[in-house]
Amino acid sequence: MLWKKGRRSDNVVDARDDDSAAGGGGGGLRIGGKGLSLTAVVLIVGFGLLTGQDPMQILGQLTGQLSQPQTAPVETRDRPAPPANDQQADFVRAILGDTEDTWTQVFQQAGKQYQDPKLVLFRGQVNSACGFATSAVGPFYCPGDRQVYLDMDFFKEMAQRFHAAGDFAEAYVIAHEVGHHVQNLLGVSAKIQAARQRGQPMEGASGLSVRQELQADCLAGVWAYHAQQRLNWLEPGDVEAALNAANAIGDDRLQAQSQGRVVPDSFTHGTSAQRVRWFKAGFAQGQVNQCDTFGAKAL
């Protein structure tokens, strides 16, 4: 991927070495001397869903930190930009910058105004407006402060544990989180939250959580289409790398790897095949109207 063609965003802030963002430790939560891995989080979340308990509360009880966070949410206003010689951060700035260009154009064509999100680079753990999180939960978007949070060690985990490597695979991850920001701006996130408060079930093979995540995959595909049309920056194998990443983090594959069986009733993101399908749906023509996962009978 010729990512250096991308315009660098000014909305990436660096909180990787900030004690207030990292809870003073900067090394992530530890249980029994070992880091809380993605696999462990999947197991905990699955257990919580099966038993009707809040997975975040379980995590909090295990770590002793979530239920009583001692850090304030990251305030990005006075945070520095990443160092100019940090190539990995420069990559993130290039991808985020192009998502800004793409969605500004798409929103303008629809008579709307796009508002850029901030992207916070952190290391180990961070406190957002959505609460405390460790890098083990992976990149995430918080609608409360309209910020994307990313520990770039997640990309190492993708490559080593899930064999999903490559610049475009990493770009897909960032674009997926920006897709959640697009949903927030379009009012989708508010509708999901209202449904949650009414007690409507979120999880399950065709639940609202799955539909929300698959739509973010599709929106990542929409971005990828427009970015390619504008910059012609994809090289042979790049699209396959993104599809491999989508395939690697499907609920069915993660559950099979972590617990040896698949439990569709606890799905939150969709199967590997579904994630690939919806990314491809957005990438095919770059049309947002192809991303109506909520109206689709078959996901």
C-alpha atoms as a PDB file:
ATOM      1  CA  MET A   1       0.000   0.000   0.000  1.00  0.00           C
ATOM      2  CA  LEU A   2       1.422   3.352  -1.049  1.00  0.00           C
ATOM      3  CA  TRP A   3       0.127   5.035   2.080  1.00  0.00           C
ATOM      4  CA  LYS A   4       2.598   7.903   1.956  1.00  0.00           C
ATOM      5  CA  LYS A   5       0.381   9.419  -0.745  1.00  0.00           C
ATOM      6  CA  GLY A   6      -2.176  10.208   1.957  1.00  0.00           C
ATOM      7  CA  ARG A   7      -2.655  13.648   3.487  1.00  0.00           C
ATOM      8  CA  ARG A   8      -1.581  13.687   7.123  1.00  0.00           C
ATOM      9  CA  SER A   9      -4.302  14.420   9.626  1.00  0.00           C
ATOM     10  CA  ASP A  10      -3.764  16.972  12.382  1.00  0.00           C
ATOM     11  CA  ASN A  11      -6.245  15.118  14.587  1.00  0.00           C
ATOM     12  CA  VAL A  12      -3.920  12.383  15.883  1.00  0.00           C
ATOM     13  CA  VAL A  13      -2.759  13.017  19.427  1.00  0.00           C
ATOM     14  CA  ASP A  14      -0.105  11.118  21.352  1.00  0.00           C
ATOM     15  CA  ALA A  15      -0.939   9.924  24.858  1.00  0.00           C
ATOM     16  CA  ARG A  16       1.387   6.918  24.813  1.00  0.00           C
ATOM     17  CA  ASP A  17       3.791   8.231  27.417  1.00  0.00           C
ATOM     18  CA  ASP A  18       1.300  10.170  29.476  1.00  0.00           C
ATOM     19  CA  ASP A  19       0.752   8.861  33.000  1.00  0.00           C
ATOM     20  CA  SER A  20      -2.718  10.396  33.280  1.00  0.00           C
ATOM     21  CA  ALA A  21      -3.833   8.477  30.216  1.00  0.00           C
ATOM     22  CA  ALA A  22      -2.078   5.244  31.092  1.00  0.00           C
ATOM     23  CA  GLY A  23      -3.101   5.062  34.734  1.00  0.00           C
ATOM     24  CA  GLY A  24       0.478   5.649  35.847  1.00  0.00           C
ATOM     25  CA  GLY A  25       1.768   2.318  34.611  1.00  0.00           C
ATOM     26  CA  GLY A  26       1.650   2.389  30.835  1.00  0.00           C
ATOM     27  CA  GLY A  27       2.120  -1.369  30.665  1.00  0.00           C
ATOM     28  CA  GLY A  28      -1.444  -2.613  30.620  1.00  0.00           C
ATOM     29  CA  LEU A  29      -3.303  -4.612  33.254  1.00  0.00           C
ATOM     30  CA  ARG A  30      -1.658  -7.705  34.638  1.00  0.00           C
ATOM     31  CA  ILE A  31      -3.200 -10.889  35.958  1.00  0.00           C
ATOM     32  CA  GLY A  32      -0.918 -13.527  37.415  1.00  0.00           C
ATOM     33  CA  GLY A  33       2.087 -11.806  35.927  1.00  0.00           C
ATOM     34  CA  LYS A  34       0.781 -12.062  32.368  1.00  0.00           C
ATOM     35  CA  GLY A  35      -0.958  -9.486  30.198  1.00  0.00           C
ATOM     36  CA  LEU A  36      -4.686  -9.753  29.656  1.00  0.00           C
ATOM     37  CA  SER A  37      -4.699 -11.028  26.075  1.00  0.00           C
ATOM     38  CA  LEU A  38      -7.377 -10.671  23.421  1.00  0.00           C
ATOM     39  CA  THR A  39      -8.205 -14.333  23.906  1.00  0.00           C
ATOM     40  CA  ALA A  40      -8.755 -13.806  27.628  1.00  0.00           C
ATOM     41  CA  VAL A  41     -11.056 -10.889  26.967  1.00  0.00           C
ATOM     42  CA  VAL A  42     -13.072 -12.969  24.461  1.00  0.00           C
ATOM     43  CA  LEU A  43     -13.481 -15.703  27.078  1.00  0.00           C
ATOM     44  CA  ILE A  44     -14.555 -13.237  29.758  1.00  0.00           C
ATOM     45  CA  VAL A  45     -17.030 -11.501  27.463  1.00  0.00           C
ATOM     46  CA  GLY A  46     -18.437 -14.850  26.332  1.00  0.00           C
ATOM     47  CA  PHE A  47     -18.824 -16.018  29.924  1.00  0.00           C
ATOM     48  CA  GLY A  48     -20.579 -12.802  30.866  1.00  0.00           C
ATOM     49  CA  LEU A  49     -23.036 -13.033  28.007  1.00  0.00           C
ATOM     50  CA  LEU A  50     -23.825 -16.677  28.723  1.00  0.00           C
ATOM     51  CA  THR A  51     -24.421 -16.014  32.437  1.00  0.00           C
ATOM     52  CA  GLY A  52     -26.222 -12.712  32.028  1.00  0.00           C
ATOM     53  CA  GLN A  53     -23.486 -10.717  33.758  1.00  0.00           C
ATOM     54  CA  ASP A  54     -21.950  -7.475  32.566  1.00  0.00           C
ATOM     55  CA  PRO A  55     -18.586  -8.432  30.982  1.00  0.00           C
ATOM     56  CA  MET A  56     -17.117  -5.034  31.883  1.00  0.00           C
ATOM     57  CA  GLN A  57     -17.939  -5.590  35.536  1.00  0.00           C
ATOM     58  CA  ILE A  58     -16.247  -8.983  35.418  1.00  0.00           C
ATOM     59  CA  LEU A  59     -13.157  -7.384  33.929  1.00  0.00           C
ATOM     60  CA  GLY A  60     -13.297  -4.733  36.601  1.00  0.00           C
ATOM     61  CA  GLN A  61     -13.476  -7.314  39.380  1.00  0.00           C
ATOM     62  CA  LEU A  62     -10.544  -9.231  37.931  1.00  0.00           C
ATOM     63  CA  THR A  63      -8.333  -6.212  37.583  1.00  0.00           C
ATOM     64  CA  GLY A  64      -9.469  -4.271  40.613  1.00  0.00           C
ATOM     65  CA  GLN A  65      -9.253  -1.115  38.558  1.00  0.00           C
ATOM     66  CA  LEU A  66     -12.241  -0.807  36.261  1.00  0.00           C
ATOM     67  CA  SER A  67     -14.868  -0.358  38.962  1.00  0.00           C
ATOM     68  CA  GLN A  68     -12.828   2.412  40.605  1.00  0.00           C
ATOM     69  CA  PRO A  69     -10.870   4.147  37.860  1.00  0.00           C
ATOM     70  CA  GLN A  70      -8.252   6.548  39.151  1.00  0.00           C
ATOM     71  CA  THR A  71      -7.634   8.371  35.910  1.00  0.00           C
ATOM     72  CA  ALA A  72      -9.478  11.114  34.091  1.00  0.00           C
ATOM     73  CA  PRO A  73     -10.545  10.786  30.459  1.00  0.00           C
ATOM     74  CA  VAL A  74      -7.889  11.865  28.007  1.00  0.00           C
ATOM     75  CA  GLU A  75      -8.149  15.565  27.246  1.00  0.00           C
ATOM     76  CA  THR A  76      -6.851  15.963  23.711  1.00  0.00           C
ATOM     77  CA  ARG A  77      -6.853  19.729  23.500  1.00  0.00           C
ATOM     78  CA  ASP A  78      -3.333  20.145  24.864  1.00  0.00           C
ATOM     79  CA  ARG A  79      -1.873  16.801  23.800  1.00  0.00           C
ATOM     80  CA  PRO A  80       1.096  16.790  21.436  1.00  0.00           C
ATOM     81  CA  ALA A  81       1.086  15.350  17.949  1.00  0.00           C
ATOM     82  CA  PRO A  82       3.184  12.205  17.400  1.00  0.00           C
ATOM     83  CA  PRO A  83       6.900  12.783  16.706  1.00  0.00           C
ATOM     84  CA  ALA A  84       7.696  13.519  13.086  1.00  0.00           C
ATOM     85  CA  ASN A  85      10.127  10.588  12.893  1.00  0.00           C
ATOM     86  CA  ASP A  86       7.582   8.016  14.142  1.00  0.00           C
ATOM     87  CA  GLN A  87       6.730   6.152  10.936  1.00  0.00           C
ATOM     88  CA  GLN A  88       4.006   4.035  12.472  1.00  0.00           C
ATOM     89  CA  ALA A  89       2.238   7.108  13.801  1.00  0.00           C
ATOM     90  CA  ASP A  90       2.795   8.797  10.443  1.00  0.00           C
ATOM     91  CA  PHE A  91       0.944   5.883   8.849  1.00  0.00           C
ATOM     92  CA  VAL A  92      -1.979   6.407  11.220  1.00  0.00           C
ATOM     93  CA  ARG A  93      -2.047  10.118  10.381  1.00  0.00           C
ATOM     94  CA  ALA A  94      -2.094   9.322   6.648  1.00  0.00           C
ATOM     95  CA  ILE A  95      -4.981   6.860   6.963  1.00  0.00           C
ATOM     96  CA  LEU A  96      -6.995   9.111   9.261  1.00  0.00           C
ATOM     97  CA  GLY A  97      -6.354  12.068   6.962  1.00  0.00           C
ATOM     98  CA  ASP A  98      -7.773  10.195   4.010  1.00  0.00           C
ATOM     99  CA  THR A  99     -10.836   9.098   5.951  1.00  0.00           C
ATOM    100  CA  GLU A 100     -11.401  12.781   6.681  1.00  0.00           C
ATOM    101  CA  ASP A 101     -11.136  13.659   2.986  1.00  0.00           C
ATOM    102  CA  THR A 102     -13.426  10.807   1.962  1.00  0.00           C
ATOM    103  CA  TRP A 103     -16.174  11.377   4.490  1.00  0.00           C
ATOM    104  CA  THR A 104     -16.111  15.142   4.067  1.00  0.00           C
ATOM    105  CA  GLN A 105     -16.803  14.598   0.372  1.00  0.00           C
ATOM    106  CA  VAL A 106     -19.452  11.921   0.927  1.00  0.00           C
ATOM    107  CA  PHE A 107     -21.270  14.020   3.518  1.00  0.00           C
ATOM    108  CA  GLN A 108     -21.162  17.118   1.306  1.00  0.00           C
ATOM    109  CA  GLN A 109     -22.731  15.174  -1.555  1.00  0.00           C
ATOM    110  CA  ALA A 110     -25.561  14.228   0.801  1.00  0.00           C
ATOM    111  CA  GLY A 111     -26.013  17.825   1.971  1.00  0.00           C
ATOM    112  CA  LYS A 112     -24.467  17.151   5.374  1.00  0.00           C
ATOM    113  CA  GLN A 113     -21.345  18.342   7.190  1.00  0.00           C
ATOM    114  CA  TYR A 114     -18.745  15.885   8.384  1.00  0.00           C
ATOM    115  CA  GLN A 115     -17.002  16.513  11.701  1.00  0.00           C
ATOM    116  CA  ASP A 116     -13.532  15.025  12.071  1.00  0.00           C
ATOM    117  CA  PRO A 117     -12.908  12.725  15.045  1.00  0.00           C
ATOM    118  CA  LYS A 118      -9.754  12.762  17.113  1.00  0.00           C
ATOM    119  CA  LEU A 119      -7.596   9.633  17.224  1.00  0.00           C
ATOM    120  CA  VAL A 120      -5.768   9.011  20.493  1.00  0.00           C
ATOM    121  CA  LEU A 121      -2.651   6.861  20.492  1.00  0.00           C
ATOM    122  CA  PHE A 122      -2.202   5.192  23.867  1.00  0.00           C
ATOM    123  CA  ARG A 123      -0.152   2.426  25.368  1.00  0.00           C
ATOM    124  CA  GLY A 124      -1.441  -0.247  27.718  1.00  0.00           C
ATOM    125  CA  GLN A 125      -4.551   1.389  29.112  1.00  0.00           C
ATOM    126  CA  VAL A 126      -6.578   4.538  28.776  1.00  0.00           C
ATOM    127  CA  ASN A 127      -9.600   6.285  30.222  1.00  0.00           C
ATOM    128  CA  SER A 128     -12.114   7.713  27.781  1.00  0.00           C
ATOM    129  CA  ALA A 129     -15.535   9.288  28.153  1.00  0.00           C
ATOM    130  CA  CYS A 130     -16.837   5.711  27.738  1.00  0.00           C
ATOM    131  CA  GLY A 131     -14.815   4.455  30.697  1.00  0.00           C
ATOM    132  CA  PHE A 132     -11.556   2.693  31.403  1.00  0.00           C
ATOM    133  CA  ALA A 133     -10.114   0.260  28.858  1.00  0.00           C
ATOM    134  CA  THR A 134      -6.954  -1.697  28.282  1.00  0.00           C
ATOM    135  CA  SER A 135      -5.244  -2.381  24.992  1.00  0.00           C
ATOM    136  CA  ALA A 136      -6.569  -5.948  25.236  1.00  0.00           C
ATOM    137  CA  VAL A 137     -10.004  -4.827  24.059  1.00  0.00           C
ATOM    138  CA  GLY A 138      -8.468  -3.600  20.801  1.00  0.00           C
ATOM    139  CA  PRO A 139      -9.058  -0.293  19.049  1.00  0.00           C
ATOM    140  CA  PHE A 140     -12.377   1.332  19.888  1.00  0.00           C
ATOM    141  CA  TYR A 141     -14.502   4.388  19.231  1.00  0.00           C
ATOM    142  CA  CYS A 142     -16.175   6.319  22.036  1.00  0.00           C
ATOM    143  CA  PRO A 143     -19.279   8.250  20.960  1.00  0.00           C
ATOM    144  CA  GLY A 144     -19.183  10.151  24.257  1.00  0.00           C
ATOM    145  CA  ASP A 145     -16.101  12.132  23.248  1.00  0.00           C
ATOM    146  CA  ARG A 146     -16.120  11.320  19.506  1.00  0.00           C
ATOM    147  CA  GLN A 147     -12.632   9.888  19.647  1.00  0.00           C
ATOM    148  CA  VAL A 148     -10.967   6.762  18.277  1.00  0.00           C
ATOM    149  CA  TYR A 149      -8.534   5.040  20.648  1.00  0.00           C
ATOM    150  CA  LEU A 150      -5.674   2.933  19.339  1.00  0.00           C
ATOM    151  CA  ASP A 151      -2.799   1.064  20.942  1.00  0.00           C
ATOM    152  CA  MET A 152      -0.625   0.232  17.945  1.00  0.00           C
ATOM    153  CA  ASP A 153       0.578  -2.956  19.613  1.00  0.00           C
ATOM    154  CA  PHE A 154      -2.780  -4.330  18.451  1.00  0.00           C
ATOM    155  CA  PHE A 155      -1.318  -4.514  14.960  1.00  0.00           C
ATOM    156  CA  LYS A 156       1.436  -6.787  16.261  1.00  0.00           C
ATOM    157  CA  GLU A 157      -1.229  -8.989  17.826  1.00  0.00           C
ATOM    158  CA  MET A 158      -3.073  -9.129  14.510  1.00  0.00           C
ATOM    159  CA  ALA A 159       0.058 -10.246  12.699  1.00  0.00           C
ATOM    160  CA  GLN A 160       1.333 -12.709  15.300  1.00  0.00           C
ATOM    161  CA  ARG A 161      -1.850 -14.268  16.672  1.00  0.00           C
ATOM    162  CA  PHE A 162      -4.234 -13.964  13.742  1.00  0.00           C
ATOM    163  CA  HIS A 163      -1.780 -13.857  10.839  1.00  0.00           C
ATOM    164  CA  ALA A 164      -3.474 -10.707   9.557  1.00  0.00           C
ATOM    165  CA  ALA A 165      -0.661  -8.390   8.546  1.00  0.00           C
ATOM    166  CA  GLY A 166      -0.129  -5.617   6.053  1.00  0.00           C
ATOM    167  CA  ASP A 167      -0.646  -1.875   5.794  1.00  0.00           C
ATOM    168  CA  PHE A 168      -4.096  -2.140   4.266  1.00  0.00           C
ATOM    169  CA  ALA A 169      -5.198  -4.620   6.924  1.00  0.00           C
ATOM    170  CA  GLU A 170      -4.212  -2.050   9.547  1.00  0.00           C
ATOM    171  CA  ALA A 171      -5.912   0.711   7.550  1.00  0.00           C
ATOM    172  CA  TYR A 172      -9.108  -1.366   7.537  1.00  0.00           C
ATOM    173  CA  VAL A 173      -9.054  -1.479  11.347  1.00  0.00           C
ATOM    174  CA  ILE A 174      -8.749   2.309  11.590  1.00  0.00           C
ATOM    175  CA  ALA A 175     -11.429   2.826   8.944  1.00  0.00           C
ATOM    176  CA  HIS A 176     -13.781   0.476  10.821  1.00  0.00           C
ATOM    177  CA  GLU A 177     -13.522   2.618  13.964  1.00  0.00           C
ATOM    178  CA  VAL A 178     -14.027   5.770  11.906  1.00  0.00           C
ATOM    179  CA  GLY A 179     -17.088   3.977  10.519  1.00  0.00           C
ATOM    180  CA  HIS A 180     -18.493   4.018  14.054  1.00  0.00           C
ATOM    181  CA  HIS A 181     -17.911   7.768  14.117  1.00  0.00           C
ATOM    182  CA  VAL A 182     -19.877   8.092  10.886  1.00  0.00           C
ATOM    183  CA  GLN A 183     -22.682   6.092  12.506  1.00  0.00           C
ATOM    184  CA  ASN A 184     -22.588   8.452  15.450  1.00  0.00           C
ATOM    185  CA  LEU A 185     -22.894  11.511  13.216  1.00  0.00           C
ATOM    186  CA  LEU A 186     -25.772   9.926  11.296  1.00  0.00           C
ATOM    187  CA  GLY A 187     -27.701   9.121  14.475  1.00  0.00           C
ATOM    188  CA  VAL A 188     -27.306   5.347  14.250  1.00  0.00           C
ATOM    189  CA  SER A 189     -25.436   5.091  17.555  1.00  0.00           C
ATOM    190  CA  ALA A 190     -28.152   7.030  19.397  1.00  0.00           C
ATOM    191  CA  LYS A 191     -30.835   4.687  18.073  1.00  0.00           C
ATOM    192  CA  ILE A 192     -28.810   1.663  19.188  1.00  0.00           C
ATOM    193  CA  GLN A 193     -28.364   3.129  22.648  1.00  0.00           C
ATOM    194  CA  ALA A 194     -32.078   3.874  22.910  1.00  0.00           C
ATOM    195  CA  ALA A 195     -32.869   0.288  21.948  1.00  0.00           C
ATOM    196  CA  ARG A 196     -30.426  -0.946  24.573  1.00  0.00           C
ATOM    197  CA  GLN A 197     -32.107   1.170  27.244  1.00  0.00           C
ATOM    198  CA  ARG A 198     -35.490  -0.261  26.250  1.00  0.00           C
ATOM    199  CA  GLY A 199     -34.080  -3.693  26.971  1.00  0.00           C
ATOM    200  CA  GLN A 200     -33.888  -4.807  23.371  1.00  0.00           C
ATOM    201  CA  PRO A 201     -31.292  -7.601  23.046  1.00  0.00           C
ATOM    202  CA  MET A 202     -28.020  -6.524  21.488  1.00  0.00           C
ATOM    203  CA  GLU A 203     -26.135  -9.787  21.056  1.00  0.00           C
ATOM    204  CA  GLY A 204     -26.901 -12.769  18.885  1.00  0.00           C
ATOM    205  CA  ALA A 205     -26.353 -13.780  15.295  1.00  0.00           C
ATOM    206  CA  SER A 206     -28.738 -11.120  13.982  1.00  0.00           C
ATOM    207  CA  GLY A 207     -28.691  -8.774  16.970  1.00  0.00           C
ATOM    208  CA  LEU A 208     -28.315  -5.013  16.820  1.00  0.00           C
ATOM    209  CA  SER A 209     -24.698  -5.137  17.966  1.00  0.00           C
ATOM    210  CA  VAL A 210     -23.777  -7.436  15.078  1.00  0.00           C
ATOM    211  CA  ARG A 211     -25.644  -5.240  12.607  1.00  0.00           C
ATOM    212  CA  GLN A 212     -23.908  -2.140  13.926  1.00  0.00           C
ATOM    213  CA  GLU A 213     -20.465  -3.709  13.615  1.00  0.00           C
ATOM    214  CA  LEU A 214     -21.115  -5.098  10.143  1.00  0.00           C
ATOM    215  CA  GLN A 215     -22.278  -1.673   9.000  1.00  0.00           C
ATOM    216  CA  ALA A 216     -18.985  -0.218  10.257  1.00  0.00           C
ATOM    217  CA  ASP A 217     -17.196  -2.867   8.172  1.00  0.00           C
ATOM    218  CA  CYS A 218     -19.225  -1.800   5.145  1.00  0.00           C
ATOM    219  CA  LEU A 219     -18.436   1.876   5.787  1.00  0.00           C
ATOM    220  CA  ALA A 220     -14.750   0.954   5.942  1.00  0.00           C
ATOM    221  CA  GLY A 221     -15.231  -0.531   2.493  1.00  0.00           C
ATOM    222  CA  VAL A 222     -16.880   2.695   1.282  1.00  0.00           C
ATOM    223  CA  TRP A 223     -13.836   4.637   2.457  1.00  0.00           C
ATOM    224  CA  ALA A 224     -11.470   2.152   0.788  1.00  0.00           C
ATOM    225  CA  TYR A 225     -13.276   2.548  -2.545  1.00  0.00           C
ATOM    226  CA  HIS A 226     -13.088   6.348  -2.559  1.00  0.00           C
ATOM    227  CA  ALA A 227      -9.506   6.388  -1.302  1.00  0.00           C
ATOM    228  CA  GLN A 228      -8.441   4.117  -4.138  1.00  0.00           C
ATOM    229  CA  GLN A 229     -10.299   6.220  -6.698  1.00  0.00           C
ATOM    230  CA  ARG A 230      -8.572   9.344  -5.457  1.00  0.00           C
ATOM    231  CA  LEU A 231      -5.048   8.101  -4.740  1.00  0.00           C
ATOM    232  CA  ASN A 232      -4.639   4.795  -6.580  1.00  0.00           C
ATOM    233  CA  TRP A 233      -2.524   3.615  -3.671  1.00  0.00           C
ATOM    234  CA  LEU A 234      -3.403  -0.064  -3.441  1.00  0.00           C
ATOM    235  CA  GLU A 235      -0.882  -2.664  -4.538  1.00  0.00           C
ATOM    236  CA  PRO A 236      -1.401  -6.353  -5.414  1.00  0.00           C
ATOM    237  CA  GLY A 237      -2.440  -8.288  -2.323  1.00  0.00           C
ATOM    238  CA  ASP A 238      -3.655  -5.267  -0.345  1.00  0.00           C
ATOM    239  CA  VAL A 239      -7.365  -5.992  -0.670  1.00  0.00           C
ATOM    240  CA  GLU A 240      -6.744  -9.626   0.208  1.00  0.00           C
ATOM    241  CA  ALA A 241      -4.894  -8.470   3.346  1.00  0.00           C
ATOM    242  CA  ALA A 242      -7.875  -6.399   4.466  1.00  0.00           C
ATOM    243  CA  LEU A 243     -10.267  -9.255   3.781  1.00  0.00           C
ATOM    244  CA  ASN A 244      -7.997 -11.604   5.714  1.00  0.00           C
ATOM    245  CA  ALA A 245      -8.090  -9.220   8.669  1.00  0.00           C
ATOM    246  CA  ALA A 246     -11.894  -9.094   8.548  1.00  0.00           C
ATOM    247  CA  ASN A 247     -11.983 -12.876   8.326  1.00  0.00           C
ATOM    248  CA  ALA A 248      -9.559 -13.302  11.228  1.00  0.00           C
ATOM    249  CA  ILE A 249     -11.617 -11.373  13.750  1.00  0.00           C
ATOM    250  CA  GLY A 250     -15.061 -12.817  13.129  1.00  0.00           C
ATOM    251  CA  ASP A 251     -16.977 -13.967  16.208  1.00  0.00           C
ATOM    252  CA  ASP A 252     -17.109 -17.577  15.063  1.00  0.00           C
ATOM    253  CA  ARG A 253     -13.389 -17.813  14.449  1.00  0.00           C
ATOM    254  CA  LEU A 254     -12.427 -16.079  17.700  1.00  0.00           C
ATOM    255  CA  GLN A 255     -14.787 -18.259  19.726  1.00  0.00           C
ATOM    256  CA  ALA A 256     -13.536 -21.441  18.097  1.00  0.00           C
ATOM    257  CA  GLN A 257      -9.957 -20.472  18.860  1.00  0.00           C
ATOM    258  CA  SER A 258     -10.575 -19.386  22.432  1.00  0.00           C
ATOM    259  CA  GLN A 259     -13.179 -21.858  23.703  1.00  0.00           C
ATOM    260  CA  GLY A 260     -13.291 -24.616  21.114  1.00  0.00           C
ATOM    261  CA  ARG A 261     -16.913 -24.021  20.125  1.00  0.00           C
ATOM    262  CA  VAL A 262     -19.079 -21.385  18.486  1.00  0.00           C
ATOM    263  CA  VAL A 263     -21.956 -19.742  20.390  1.00  0.00           C
ATOM    264  CA  PRO A 264     -24.022 -17.660  17.947  1.00  0.00           C
ATOM    265  CA  ASP A 265     -26.242 -16.322  20.739  1.00  0.00           C
ATOM    266  CA  SER A 266     -23.246 -14.395  22.074  1.00  0.00           C
ATOM    267  CA  PHE A 267     -22.097 -12.912  18.762  1.00  0.00           C
ATOM    268  CA  THR A 268     -21.351  -9.191  18.901  1.00  0.00           C
ATOM    269  CA  HIS A 269     -19.472  -8.471  15.642  1.00  0.00           C
ATOM    270  CA  GLY A 270     -20.612 -11.055  13.123  1.00  0.00           C
ATOM    271  CA  THR A 271     -19.010 -14.106  11.570  1.00  0.00           C
ATOM    272  CA  SER A 272     -15.847 -14.017   9.500  1.00  0.00           C
ATOM    273  CA  ALA A 273     -17.843 -14.508   6.303  1.00  0.00           C
ATOM    274  CA  GLN A 274     -20.238 -11.718   7.216  1.00  0.00           C
ATOM    275  CA  ARG A 275     -17.451  -9.261   7.980  1.00  0.00           C
ATOM    276  CA  VAL A 276     -15.805 -10.014   4.645  1.00  0.00           C
ATOM    277  CA  ARG A 277     -19.119  -9.771   2.814  1.00  0.00           C
ATOM    278  CA  TRP A 278     -20.046  -6.356   4.183  1.00  0.00           C
ATOM    279  CA  PHE A 279     -16.599  -4.857   3.659  1.00  0.00           C
ATOM    280  CA  LYS A 280     -16.817  -6.012   0.045  1.00  0.00           C
ATOM    281  CA  ALA A 281     -20.318  -4.545  -0.255  1.00  0.00           C
ATOM    282  CA  GLY A 282     -18.985  -1.106   0.631  1.00  0.00           C
ATOM    283  CA  PHE A 283     -15.832  -1.487  -1.436  1.00  0.00           C
ATOM    284  CA  ALA A 284     -17.655  -2.564  -4.593  1.00  0.00           C
ATOM    285  CA  GLN A 285     -19.132   0.838  -5.477  1.00  0.00           C
ATOM    286  CA  GLY A 286     -18.434   3.114  -2.523  1.00  0.00           C
ATOM    287  CA  GLN A 287     -22.139   3.689  -1.874  1.00  0.00           C
ATOM    288  CA  VAL A 288     -23.344   4.220   1.692  1.00  0.00           C
ATOM    289  CA  ASN A 289     -26.807   3.004   0.731  1.00  0.00           C
ATOM    290  CA  GLN A 290     -25.299  -0.454   0.231  1.00  0.00           C
ATOM    291  CA  CYS A 291     -24.555  -0.585   3.976  1.00  0.00           C
ATOM    292  CA  ASP A 292     -28.072  -1.026   5.344  1.00  0.00           C
ATOM    293  CA  THR A 293     -27.300  -3.927   7.628  1.00  0.00           C
ATOM    294  CA  PHE A 294     -30.296  -3.041   9.806  1.00  0.00           C
ATOM    295  CA  GLY A 295     -32.729  -3.578   6.967  1.00  0.00           C
ATOM    296  CA  ALA A 296     -31.058  -6.712   5.640  1.00  0.00           C
ATOM    297  CA  LYS A 297     -32.934  -9.947   6.296  1.00  0.00           C
ATOM    298  CA  ALA A 298     -29.823 -12.046   5.711  1.00  0.00           C
ATOM    299  CA  LEU A 299     -26.505 -10.810   7.058  1.00  0.00           C
END
